[in-house]
Every structure is written in structure tokens, then in C-alpha cells.
Amino acid sequence: MNPTPTLYIVVPCYNEEEVLPETARRLSALMDSLISFGEISPESRVLFVDDGSGDATWDIIESFTDPRFEGAKLAHNAGHQNALWAGMTLACGQCDAVISIDADLQDDPEAIHGFLDAYREGCDVVYGVRKSRETDTAFKRLTAEGFYKLMRLFGAEIVDNHADYRLLSRRALEALLRFGEVNLFLRGMVPLLGFPSKKVYYNRAERFAGESKYPLRKMLGFAMEGITSFSVKPIRLITLLGVLFALLGVVFGIYALISLCTGHAVAGWTSLIMSIWLIGGVNLIALGLIGEYIGKIYMETKRRPRYILESYIKLGGEEEDGAEE
């Protein structure tokens, strides 16, 4: 590993006008510190990726004067994972390592010192893992714990309490960018690389300003994306449930037949209606889950670009034409 790597810090931004100036100030100070202590090369950069924001996010990025800052603007809101992918794609070939961090300052930028220590020890992947979830509501803690348990149950390799705050070496980044799927779930994709890795723990803060870009609806969608992207076990579970209900139906049928032959009335409508509603509900869930998989297959076969790059501002305000991937 290069002891003084050229580092790119990729910062996806979506409607972050309230927090972005402070994010830029802290990252600029961090870059000063890292360069002055010889931890990274002076050629290192911070790349802000505007994910089709509807506020002044891009105007603020364009106004930055730090020559180590760069900006990429996506033509439309492609989603957090695609914005990260766009930034990493632009950084690949220009850096020895890339770090992704959200703009909201909940992830502690000072943990990057630990990331670089692990990188110099030979780790290609370094995960930023929060020490606790004390700042979360009880509901969010419960749902997060359930999500990680579900992912492990369905066979996905995923690091608990890790979002998308991580370091990737150049070879890990190049390997990741060879993944061909359109529906991205980076938290599950990165562990599949198999390179040496390490966890760096940090205290996660409250959002500095603005509102969370992950309300409950998006969180549920993201969870479903993760589950259906990395396992077919949910479909196998449906098959097992089908077999179980079929067996229960046979047992109940035998019981009803024996009761009829012996002159005993079968206790009726309540159990019957409950059974119909239960089986009907399971059928609808099964159809919805199968539909989710079919929808993902449909989207993958269309091979639409993950994002469309409208502009890319390099050093000194140089601007490149848009591109897509």
C-alpha cells in the first residue's frame, strides 16, 4: 500500500444546502491536517456529487474556492447508491483509495485517520461502524436490528451498524466497479469482494442541519432492495410456507372427515374464516415478493444507465461534458 496515498473523498449530496457549507469547512480542515502530517498526497481531492437536488446545493458546490474540491452534477435524482457509484467511477483511475461519506456530518470525518491507518496496514476495505445507536429513536433501533437479522437470515454478508462510510483501495474499487447489476446495494456488494478488511468504530452524531433524506418509506424500500438483491431465500421460504399450509390443510381435512363420520359437528365458521384470511394474506405477500423479483429482473434487462452526468467541475473551474453509465 502507498504510505502517502492519493485519496478521493466522495460526498453524495441531495438537497443539502443547509449543511453543505459546514461540511465543506470541516473537510477542508481535515484535508489540511492529513496533508500536513503526510497521511495523504497533496493531490488528494474531495468530490461532491449533486444527486439532482432541487435546492441551491449545486450553486454552493460551484462557489467553493478550495482547489482540492471538485463537483459532479447528475442530470436527475438517481438515488443515493447511484450517486455514490458515480463519484467512485469518476475517482477511479485518479486515486489510490476512495472514501465515501454522507454530507449530513453524522459520520465523524475524524475517523478517516483510523481508515488510513488500516489502509497502510494492508486493508483494502475499511468499514466505518458506529459504536452505538443512542441517537436513534427506539423505533429506528428496533427496525435496524430487525433489518440486520433478516439480512443474515437470508444469507447476505453485511456489516452491522455500517452504512456507506467506508474506504476502498484502488484494487477494491476497480473490482467493485466491475459488478454489472443496475439495482445497487453497496452494503451487501462490498463484502462480496473478499479483500482484507477492518472495522473502525466512531460515534455517530445528530444531523448537523436540514432533514433526513431517508424517511420511513425510503428506509423500507431500501431494506426490500437489500433483501431481494442478495438472496433467493425469501422465495424458498414461500415454498416452505406453501408446503406447511398444504400439510395443515390435509390434517384439518382428515379431522373434519373423521368428525363427520363419528357424528360430531366440526366447529365452523370462525376457524374457517380465519384460515381463509390467513392463507389469503400469505398468498398476497407471496405474490408481492415474487413481483418484486420479477420487477428487478425487468429493470436489469433494460440496462438503463445508472446515472447521467450533467457536468463535472475539476480544478480551477474546468468543466467536462456530461456522460452516462
Protein backbone atom coordinates (compact mmCIF):
# COMPACT_ATOMS: atom_id res chain seq x y z
CA MET A 1 0.00 0.00 0.00
CA ASN A 2 1.16 3.52 -0.79
CA PRO A 3 2.04 5.10 2.61
CA THR A 4 1.01 8.52 1.28
CA PRO A 5 -1.97 7.68 -0.95
CA THR A 6 -3.82 9.99 -3.27
CA LEU A 7 -7.22 10.00 -1.61
CA TYR A 8 -10.61 10.92 -3.05
CA ILE A 9 -13.42 11.64 -0.58
CA VAL A 10 -16.77 11.19 -2.34
CA VAL A 11 -19.68 13.12 -0.81
CA PRO A 12 -23.17 12.43 -2.28
CA CYS A 13 -25.50 15.40 -1.78
CA TYR A 14 -29.24 15.71 -2.18
CA ASN A 15 -30.90 18.95 -1.09
CA GLU A 16 -28.14 19.68 1.41
CA GLU A 17 -27.92 23.48 1.08
CA GLU A 18 -28.27 23.94 4.85
CA VAL A 19 -25.41 21.69 5.86
CA LEU A 20 -23.06 21.82 2.86
CA PRO A 21 -21.03 24.94 3.82
CA GLU A 22 -20.17 23.41 7.21
CA THR A 23 -19.39 20.04 5.58
CA ALA A 24 -17.01 21.78 3.19
CA ARG A 25 -15.34 23.71 6.03
CA ARG A 26 -14.73 20.56 8.07
CA LEU A 27 -13.47 18.53 5.13
CA SER A 28 -11.15 21.35 4.08
CA ALA A 29 -9.67 21.48 7.59
CA LEU A 30 -9.35 17.68 7.58
CA MET A 31 -7.52 17.74 4.25
CA ASP A 32 -5.11 20.36 5.65
CA SER A 33 -4.39 18.10 8.61
CA LEU A 34 -3.98 14.90 6.60
CA ILE A 35 -1.66 16.53 4.06
CA SER A 36 0.44 18.39 6.65
CA PHE A 37 1.08 15.17 8.59
CA GLY A 38 1.94 13.26 5.42
CA GLU A 39 -1.02 10.90 5.68
CA ILE A 40 -2.20 11.60 2.14
CA SER A 41 -0.80 13.11 -1.03
CA PRO A 42 -1.34 16.83 -1.82
CA GLU A 43 -3.05 15.59 -5.00
CA SER A 44 -5.94 14.25 -2.92
CA ARG A 45 -9.39 15.66 -3.59
CA VAL A 46 -12.94 15.97 -2.22
CA LEU A 47 -15.62 15.21 -4.82
CA PHE A 48 -19.14 16.46 -4.11
CA VAL A 49 -21.83 14.66 -6.16
CA ASP A 50 -25.11 16.56 -6.51
CA ASP A 51 -27.81 13.93 -6.94
CA GLY A 52 -30.27 16.11 -8.88
CA SER A 53 -31.02 18.43 -5.95
CA GLY A 54 -33.95 20.82 -6.17
CA ASP A 55 -32.40 23.47 -3.92
CA ALA A 56 -29.18 25.51 -4.08
CA THR A 57 -26.84 22.56 -3.48
CA TRP A 58 -25.14 22.80 -6.87
CA ASP A 59 -24.78 26.58 -6.66
CA ILE A 60 -22.99 26.14 -3.32
CA ILE A 61 -20.69 23.47 -4.77
CA GLU A 62 -19.83 25.77 -7.67
CA SER A 63 -18.98 28.56 -5.22
CA PHE A 64 -16.33 26.56 -3.34
CA THR A 65 -12.87 28.08 -3.68
CA ASP A 66 -10.74 25.29 -2.21
CA PRO A 67 -8.67 24.00 -5.17
CA ARG A 68 -8.90 20.47 -3.73
CA PHE A 69 -12.67 20.39 -4.22
CA GLU A 70 -14.41 19.01 -7.28
CA GLY A 71 -18.08 18.76 -8.17
CA ALA A 72 -20.23 16.42 -10.23
CA LYS A 73 -23.85 17.16 -11.07
CA LEU A 74 -26.24 14.38 -12.05
CA ALA A 75 -28.96 15.30 -14.53
CA HIS A 76 -31.69 13.79 -12.35
CA ASN A 77 -32.18 12.29 -8.92
CA ALA A 78 -30.64 8.84 -9.44
CA GLY A 79 -30.66 7.86 -5.76
CA HIS A 80 -28.04 7.74 -3.02
CA GLN A 81 -26.41 4.48 -4.16
CA ASN A 82 -26.12 5.63 -7.76
CA ALA A 83 -24.70 8.99 -6.68
CA LEU A 84 -22.04 7.12 -4.72
CA TRP A 85 -21.36 4.92 -7.74
CA ALA A 86 -20.99 8.00 -9.97
CA GLY A 87 -18.48 9.57 -7.60
CA MET A 88 -16.45 6.39 -7.25
CA THR A 89 -16.43 5.91 -11.02
CA LEU A 90 -15.09 9.43 -11.54
CA ALA A 91 -12.47 8.93 -8.81
CA CYS A 92 -11.28 5.55 -10.11
CA GLY A 93 -8.02 5.94 -12.02
CA GLN A 94 -7.19 9.17 -10.23
CA CYS A 95 -6.65 7.86 -6.71
CA ASP A 96 -5.03 5.14 -4.61
CA ALA A 97 -8.03 4.98 -2.28
CA VAL A 98 -11.55 6.39 -2.09
CA ILE A 99 -13.68 7.17 0.95
CA SER A 100 -17.45 7.68 0.79
CA ILE A 101 -19.15 9.82 3.41
CA ASP A 102 -22.58 11.44 3.58
CA ALA A 103 -22.90 15.23 3.60
CA ASP A 104 -25.01 15.48 6.76
CA LEU A 105 -21.99 15.26 9.15
CA GLN A 106 -23.48 12.40 11.14
CA ASP A 107 -20.44 10.32 10.21
CA ASP A 108 -17.37 11.68 12.00
CA PRO A 109 -14.80 12.86 9.41
CA GLU A 110 -12.03 12.46 12.01
CA ALA A 111 -12.47 8.68 11.77
CA ILE A 112 -10.70 8.95 8.41
CA HIS A 113 -7.39 8.96 10.32
CA GLY A 114 -8.24 5.44 11.50
CA PHE A 115 -9.31 4.45 7.99
CA LEU A 116 -5.90 5.45 6.64
CA ASP A 117 -4.07 3.61 9.42
CA ALA A 118 -5.93 0.42 8.48
CA TYR A 119 -5.21 1.06 4.78
CA ARG A 120 -1.47 1.31 5.49
CA GLU A 121 -1.70 -1.96 7.44
CA GLY A 122 -2.78 -3.64 4.20
CA CYS A 123 -6.58 -3.49 4.34
CA ASP A 124 -8.33 -2.93 1.02
CA VAL A 125 -11.70 -2.30 2.65
CA VAL A 126 -12.26 -0.32 5.85
CA TYR A 127 -15.77 -0.11 7.30
CA GLY A 128 -16.89 2.81 9.43
CA VAL A 129 -19.05 1.25 12.15
CA ARG A 130 -20.99 3.28 14.67
CA LYS A 131 -20.29 2.43 18.32
CA SER A 132 -23.93 2.71 19.40
CA ARG A 133 -27.36 3.80 18.22
CA GLU A 134 -28.11 6.05 21.19
CA THR A 135 -29.02 8.98 18.94
CA ASP A 136 -31.71 6.92 17.17
CA THR A 137 -35.32 6.63 18.24
CA ALA A 138 -36.45 3.35 19.81
CA PHE A 139 -38.39 2.57 16.62
CA LYS A 140 -35.35 3.10 14.41
CA ARG A 141 -33.15 0.96 16.68
CA LEU A 142 -35.73 -1.84 16.58
CA THR A 143 -36.16 -1.72 12.81
CA ALA A 144 -32.39 -1.55 12.22
CA GLU A 145 -31.81 -4.60 14.39
CA GLY A 146 -34.59 -6.44 12.56
CA PHE A 147 -33.09 -5.49 9.19
CA TYR A 148 -29.65 -6.86 10.03
CA LYS A 149 -31.15 -10.08 11.40
CA LEU A 150 -33.24 -10.53 8.27
CA MET A 151 -30.23 -9.95 6.01
CA ARG A 152 -28.21 -12.58 7.89
CA LEU A 153 -31.17 -14.98 7.89
CA PHE A 154 -31.39 -14.70 4.12
CA GLY A 155 -27.66 -15.30 3.70
CA ALA A 156 -26.39 -11.81 2.85
CA GLU A 157 -22.97 -10.76 4.13
CA ILE A 158 -23.49 -7.40 5.78
CA VAL A 159 -21.65 -5.46 8.49
CA ASP A 160 -23.87 -4.47 11.42
CA ASN A 161 -24.25 -0.73 12.13
CA HIS A 162 -22.38 0.19 8.95
CA ALA A 163 -23.98 2.43 6.37
CA ASP A 164 -21.88 3.71 3.45
CA TYR A 165 -18.99 5.27 5.33
CA ARG A 166 -16.04 3.22 4.09
CA LEU A 167 -12.63 3.23 2.45
CA LEU A 168 -11.83 1.21 -0.65
CA SER A 169 -8.34 0.73 -2.05
CA ARG A 170 -7.88 1.19 -5.76
CA ARG A 171 -7.92 -2.53 -6.49
CA ALA A 172 -11.06 -3.00 -4.37
CA LEU A 173 -12.71 -0.07 -6.16
CA GLU A 174 -11.81 -1.43 -9.60
CA ALA A 175 -13.20 -4.84 -8.62
CA LEU A 176 -16.42 -3.28 -7.29
CA LEU A 177 -16.97 -1.27 -10.46
CA ARG A 178 -16.94 -4.50 -12.48
CA PHE A 179 -20.24 -5.53 -10.85
CA GLY A 180 -22.87 -5.30 -13.56
CA GLU A 181 -26.18 -5.01 -11.69
CA VAL A 182 -28.28 -1.88 -12.11
CA ASN A 183 -30.04 -2.15 -8.73
CA LEU A 184 -27.27 -1.28 -6.32
CA PHE A 185 -26.98 -2.22 -2.65
CA LEU A 186 -23.38 -1.35 -1.82
CA ARG A 187 -23.57 -2.52 1.81
CA GLY A 188 -24.05 -6.04 0.51
CA MET A 189 -21.85 -5.78 -2.57
CA VAL A 190 -18.63 -4.62 -0.88
CA PRO A 191 -18.30 -7.64 1.48
CA LEU A 192 -18.53 -9.90 -1.58
CA LEU A 193 -15.17 -8.58 -2.80
CA GLY A 194 -13.36 -10.73 -0.26
CA PHE A 195 -10.36 -8.41 0.18
CA PRO A 196 -8.71 -7.88 3.60
CA SER A 197 -10.91 -5.62 5.68
CA LYS A 198 -11.14 -3.94 9.06
CA LYS A 199 -13.75 -2.09 11.11
CA VAL A 200 -13.12 1.38 12.52
CA TYR A 201 -15.57 2.44 15.23
CA TYR A 202 -16.79 6.00 15.69
CA ASN A 203 -19.54 7.94 17.45
CA ARG A 204 -22.33 8.92 15.10
CA ALA A 205 -23.67 12.43 15.70
CA GLU A 206 -27.05 14.02 15.15
CA ARG A 207 -27.63 15.54 11.72
CA PHE A 208 -25.95 18.98 11.71
CA ALA A 209 -28.78 20.72 9.82
CA GLY A 210 -31.67 20.01 7.49
CA GLU A 211 -33.94 16.98 7.40
CA SER A 212 -33.21 13.30 6.94
CA LYS A 213 -33.36 12.14 3.32
CA TYR A 214 -34.42 8.67 4.48
CA PRO A 215 -37.98 8.76 5.81
CA LEU A 216 -39.71 5.51 6.76
CA ARG A 217 -40.96 4.89 3.21
CA LYS A 218 -37.45 5.10 1.76
CA MET A 219 -35.98 3.03 4.56
CA LEU A 220 -38.47 0.23 3.90
CA GLY A 221 -37.77 0.40 0.18
CA PHE A 222 -34.03 0.28 0.82
CA ALA A 223 -34.46 -2.75 3.09
CA MET A 224 -36.51 -4.55 0.44
CA GLU A 225 -33.86 -3.65 -2.15
CA GLY A 226 -31.17 -5.21 0.01
CA ILE A 227 -33.08 -8.39 0.78
CA THR A 228 -34.14 -9.09 -2.81
CA SER A 229 -30.75 -8.15 -4.27
CA PHE A 230 -28.73 -10.77 -2.45
CA SER A 231 -30.81 -13.83 -1.82
CA VAL A 232 -33.50 -16.09 -3.27
CA LYS A 233 -34.20 -17.46 0.20
CA PRO A 234 -37.44 -15.44 0.54
CA ILE A 235 -38.86 -17.33 -2.44
CA ARG A 236 -37.73 -20.62 -0.91
CA LEU A 237 -39.40 -19.58 2.34
CA ILE A 238 -42.64 -19.04 0.42
CA THR A 239 -42.33 -22.58 -0.96
CA LEU A 240 -41.87 -23.98 2.54
CA LEU A 241 -44.87 -22.00 3.79
CA GLY A 242 -46.91 -23.40 0.90
CA VAL A 243 -45.92 -26.95 1.84
CA LEU A 244 -46.70 -26.25 5.51
CA PHE A 245 -50.18 -24.89 4.76
CA ALA A 246 -50.87 -27.81 2.42
CA LEU A 247 -49.98 -30.25 5.18
CA LEU A 248 -52.14 -28.37 7.67
CA GLY A 249 -54.98 -28.48 5.14
CA VAL A 250 -54.62 -32.25 4.81
CA VAL A 251 -54.57 -32.68 8.62
CA PHE A 252 -57.63 -30.45 9.04
CA GLY A 253 -59.42 -32.31 6.23
CA ILE A 254 -58.78 -35.68 7.88
CA TYR A 255 -60.02 -34.29 11.19
CA ALA A 256 -63.19 -32.94 9.56
CA LEU A 257 -63.85 -36.27 7.80
CA ILE A 258 -63.40 -38.28 11.00
CA SER A 259 -65.69 -35.88 12.89
CA LEU A 260 -68.33 -36.19 10.18
CA CYS A 261 -68.20 -39.99 10.26
CA THR A 262 -68.49 -40.09 14.05
CA GLY A 263 -71.43 -37.67 14.11
CA HIS A 264 -69.59 -34.76 15.69
CA ALA A 265 -70.06 -31.34 14.12
CA VAL A 266 -66.91 -29.50 13.13
CA ALA A 267 -66.66 -26.12 14.90
CA GLY A 268 -67.23 -23.97 11.99
CA TRP A 269 -67.18 -20.54 10.68
CA THR A 270 -64.70 -18.75 12.93
CA SER A 271 -61.84 -21.16 12.27
CA LEU A 272 -62.78 -21.37 8.59
CA ILE A 273 -62.82 -17.59 8.04
CA MET A 274 -59.58 -17.16 10.00
CA SER A 275 -57.91 -19.81 7.86
CA ILE A 276 -59.12 -18.17 4.64
CA TRP A 277 -57.88 -14.73 5.70
CA LEU A 278 -54.52 -16.11 6.86
CA ILE A 279 -53.88 -18.12 3.72
CA GLY A 280 -55.13 -15.25 1.55
CA GLY A 281 -52.77 -12.82 3.27
CA VAL A 282 -49.82 -15.16 2.82
CA ASN A 283 -50.72 -15.57 -0.86
CA LEU A 284 -50.79 -11.81 -1.38
CA ILE A 285 -47.43 -11.38 0.37
CA ALA A 286 -46.00 -14.18 -1.77
CA LEU A 287 -47.31 -12.59 -4.97
CA GLY A 288 -45.88 -9.22 -3.93
CA LEU A 289 -42.47 -10.69 -3.18
CA ILE A 290 -42.36 -12.66 -6.43
CA GLY A 291 -43.43 -9.49 -8.22
CA GLU A 292 -40.52 -7.65 -6.60
CA TYR A 293 -38.08 -10.18 -8.02
CA ILE A 294 -39.71 -10.06 -11.45
CA GLY A 295 -39.58 -6.26 -11.38
CA LYS A 296 -35.86 -6.34 -10.58
CA ILE A 297 -35.27 -8.75 -13.47
CA TYR A 298 -37.24 -6.42 -15.74
CA MET A 299 -35.18 -3.39 -14.70
CA GLU A 300 -31.90 -5.27 -15.05
CA THR A 301 -32.70 -6.44 -18.58
CA LYS A 302 -33.49 -2.89 -19.73
CA ARG A 303 -29.87 -1.92 -18.98
CA ARG A 304 -30.69 1.73 -18.43
CA PRO A 305 -27.75 3.89 -17.27
CA ARG A 306 -27.40 4.12 -13.50
CA TYR A 307 -27.00 7.87 -13.78
CA ILE A 308 -26.49 10.64 -16.33
CA LEU A 309 -23.68 13.09 -15.58
CA GLU A 310 -24.64 16.65 -16.48
CA SER A 311 -21.34 18.33 -15.57
CA TYR A 312 -18.08 17.69 -13.76
CA ILE A 313 -16.12 20.62 -12.39
CA LYS A 314 -12.45 19.92 -11.99
CA LEU A 315 -9.66 22.03 -10.54
CA GLY A 316 -9.69 25.68 -11.46
CA GLY A 317 -13.30 25.53 -12.58
CA GLU A 318 -12.62 23.38 -15.66
CA GLU A 319 -15.82 21.67 -16.72
CA GLU A 320 -16.29 18.45 -18.64
CA ASP A 321 -19.27 17.46 -20.76
CA GLY A 322 -21.88 15.12 -19.38
CA ALA A 323 -21.64 11.36 -19.56
CA GLU A 324 -23.68 8.37 -18.51
CA GLU A 325 -23.20 4.93 -17.06
